Amino acid sequence: MNIQARKLNLIEEFLRISDESIIEKLESFIRIEKKKQYDRELKPMSLNDFHEMIDQAKQDKANGRVISHEELKKRIKSWK
């Protein structure tokens, strides 16, 4: 059985659950597993990469490639 078929079976089984405590346990399990996966994939930045990012940010500011916090908030409001 491929993963898509397994997902569909799992969804069907989930829809049959009427016990809220089981749903809470499943939600908790999913949150924990997603965090574990995120933590496994998280790679620390090297000091050199960090300095390169700082240098790039300084160049962006010097060349006017930045916007203010207020301008960003205005733009975000227009996305809605």
C-alpha atoms as a PDB file:
ATOM      1  CA  MET A   1       0.000   0.000   0.000  1.00  0.00           C
ATOM      2  CA  ASN A   2       1.469   3.385  -0.983  1.00  0.00           C
ATOM      3  CA  ILE A   3       1.606   6.385   1.300  1.00  0.00           C
ATOM      4  CA  GLN A   4      -1.379   8.144  -0.288  1.00  0.00           C
ATOM      5  CA  ALA A   5      -3.597   5.094   0.283  1.00  0.00           C
ATOM      6  CA  ARG A   6      -2.326   4.827   3.867  1.00  0.00           C
ATOM      7  CA  LYS A   7      -3.147   8.502   4.469  1.00  0.00           C
ATOM      8  CA  LEU A   8      -6.667   8.019   3.146  1.00  0.00           C
ATOM      9  CA  ASN A   9      -7.164   4.973   5.376  1.00  0.00           C
ATOM     10  CA  LEU A  10      -5.904   6.952   8.344  1.00  0.00           C
ATOM     11  CA  ILE A  11      -8.265   9.844   7.578  1.00  0.00           C
ATOM     12  CA  GLU A  12     -11.208   7.463   7.302  1.00  0.00           C
ATOM     13  CA  GLU A  13     -10.286   5.858  10.611  1.00  0.00           C
ATOM     14  CA  PHE A  14      -9.859   9.270  12.238  1.00  0.00           C
ATOM     15  CA  LEU A  15     -13.302  10.376  11.084  1.00  0.00           C
ATOM     16  CA  ARG A  16     -14.823   7.404  12.901  1.00  0.00           C
ATOM     17  CA  ILE A  17     -13.347   8.453  16.273  1.00  0.00           C
ATOM     18  CA  SER A  18     -15.915   9.862  18.660  1.00  0.00           C
ATOM     19  CA  ASP A  19     -13.811   9.901  21.836  1.00  0.00           C
ATOM     20  CA  GLU A  20     -12.382  13.406  22.299  1.00  0.00           C
ATOM     21  CA  SER A  21      -9.540  12.141  24.509  1.00  0.00           C
ATOM     22  CA  ILE A  22      -8.253   9.994  21.653  1.00  0.00           C
ATOM     23  CA  ILE A  23      -8.333  12.997  19.332  1.00  0.00           C
ATOM     24  CA  GLU A  24      -6.411  15.050  21.917  1.00  0.00           C
ATOM     25  CA  LYS A  25      -3.788  12.302  22.190  1.00  0.00           C
ATOM     26  CA  LEU A  26      -3.438  12.149  18.411  1.00  0.00           C
ATOM     27  CA  GLU A  27      -3.071  15.936  18.207  1.00  0.00           C
ATOM     28  CA  SER A  28      -0.422  15.859  20.913  1.00  0.00           C
ATOM     29  CA  PHE A  29       1.419  13.007  19.196  1.00  0.00           C
ATOM     30  CA  ILE A  30       1.441  14.877  15.872  1.00  0.00           C
ATOM     31  CA  ARG A  31       2.739  18.072  17.509  1.00  0.00           C
ATOM     32  CA  ILE A  32       5.528  16.169  19.283  1.00  0.00           C
ATOM     33  CA  GLU A  33       6.565  14.278  16.156  1.00  0.00           C
ATOM     34  CA  LYS A  34       6.557  17.445  14.008  1.00  0.00           C
ATOM     35  CA  LYS A  35       8.775  19.163  16.565  1.00  0.00           C
ATOM     36  CA  LYS A  36      11.158  16.188  16.616  1.00  0.00           C
ATOM     37  CA  GLN A  37      11.364  16.262  12.818  1.00  0.00           C
ATOM     38  CA  TYR A  38      11.967  20.024  12.829  1.00  0.00           C
ATOM     39  CA  ASP A  39      14.698  19.643  15.455  1.00  0.00           C
ATOM     40  CA  ARG A  40      16.399  16.883  13.408  1.00  0.00           C
ATOM     41  CA  GLU A  41      16.409  19.066  10.300  1.00  0.00           C
ATOM     42  CA  LEU A  42      17.541  22.223  12.095  1.00  0.00           C
ATOM     43  CA  LYS A  43      21.175  22.910  11.283  1.00  0.00           C
ATOM     44  CA  PRO A  44      23.236  25.428  13.238  1.00  0.00           C
ATOM     45  CA  MET A  45      24.626  28.347  11.294  1.00  0.00           C
ATOM     46  CA  SER A  46      28.395  28.667  11.069  1.00  0.00           C
ATOM     47  CA  LEU A  47      30.027  31.798  12.413  1.00  0.00           C
ATOM     48  CA  ASN A  48      31.177  32.596   8.873  1.00  0.00           C
ATOM     49  CA  ASP A  49      27.602  32.340   7.536  1.00  0.00           C
ATOM     50  CA  PHE A  50      26.420  34.574  10.368  1.00  0.00           C
ATOM     51  CA  HIS A  51      28.995  37.231   9.505  1.00  0.00           C
ATOM     52  CA  GLU A  52      28.067  37.008   5.819  1.00  0.00           C
ATOM     53  CA  MET A  53      24.417  37.624   6.705  1.00  0.00           C
ATOM     54  CA  ILE A  54      25.388  40.659   8.771  1.00  0.00           C
ATOM     55  CA  ASP A  55      27.535  42.012   5.926  1.00  0.00           C
ATOM     56  CA  GLN A  56      24.660  41.491   3.473  1.00  0.00           C
ATOM     57  CA  ALA A  57      22.249  43.286   5.807  1.00  0.00           C
ATOM     58  CA  LYS A  58      24.648  46.226   6.080  1.00  0.00           C
ATOM     59  CA  GLN A  59      24.927  46.381   2.280  1.00  0.00           C
ATOM     60  CA  ASP A  60      21.157  46.239   1.915  1.00  0.00           C
ATOM     61  CA  LYS A  61      20.733  49.121   4.351  1.00  0.00           C
ATOM     62  CA  ALA A  62      23.466  51.189   2.669  1.00  0.00           C
ATOM     63  CA  ASN A  63      21.813  50.643  -0.741  1.00  0.00           C
ATOM     64  CA  GLY A  64      18.296  51.448   0.473  1.00  0.00           C
ATOM     65  CA  ARG A  65      16.991  47.899   0.156  1.00  0.00           C
ATOM     66  CA  VAL A  66      15.137  48.016   3.468  1.00  0.00           C
ATOM     67  CA  ILE A  67      11.756  49.223   4.665  1.00  0.00           C
ATOM     68  CA  SER A  68      10.651  50.515   8.035  1.00  0.00           C
ATOM     69  CA  HIS A  69       8.621  48.547  10.510  1.00  0.00           C
ATOM     70  CA  GLU A  70       5.689  50.895   9.949  1.00  0.00           C
ATOM     71  CA  GLU A  71       5.873  50.459   6.163  1.00  0.00           C
ATOM     72  CA  LEU A  72       5.936  46.678   6.589  1.00  0.00           C
ATOM     73  CA  LYS A  73       2.831  46.811   8.784  1.00  0.00           C
ATOM     74  CA  LYS A  74       1.041  48.886   6.121  1.00  0.00           C
ATOM     75  CA  ARG A  75       1.968  46.378   3.413  1.00  0.00           C
ATOM     76  CA  ILE A  76       0.790  43.454   5.521  1.00  0.00           C
ATOM     77  CA  LYS A  77      -2.594  45.113   6.075  1.00  0.00           C
ATOM     78  CA  SER A  78      -3.017  45.378   2.298  1.00  0.00           C
ATOM     79  CA  TRP A  79      -2.542  41.602   1.919  1.00  0.00           C
ATOM     80  CA  LYS A  80      -5.871  40.899   3.647  1.00  0.00           C
END
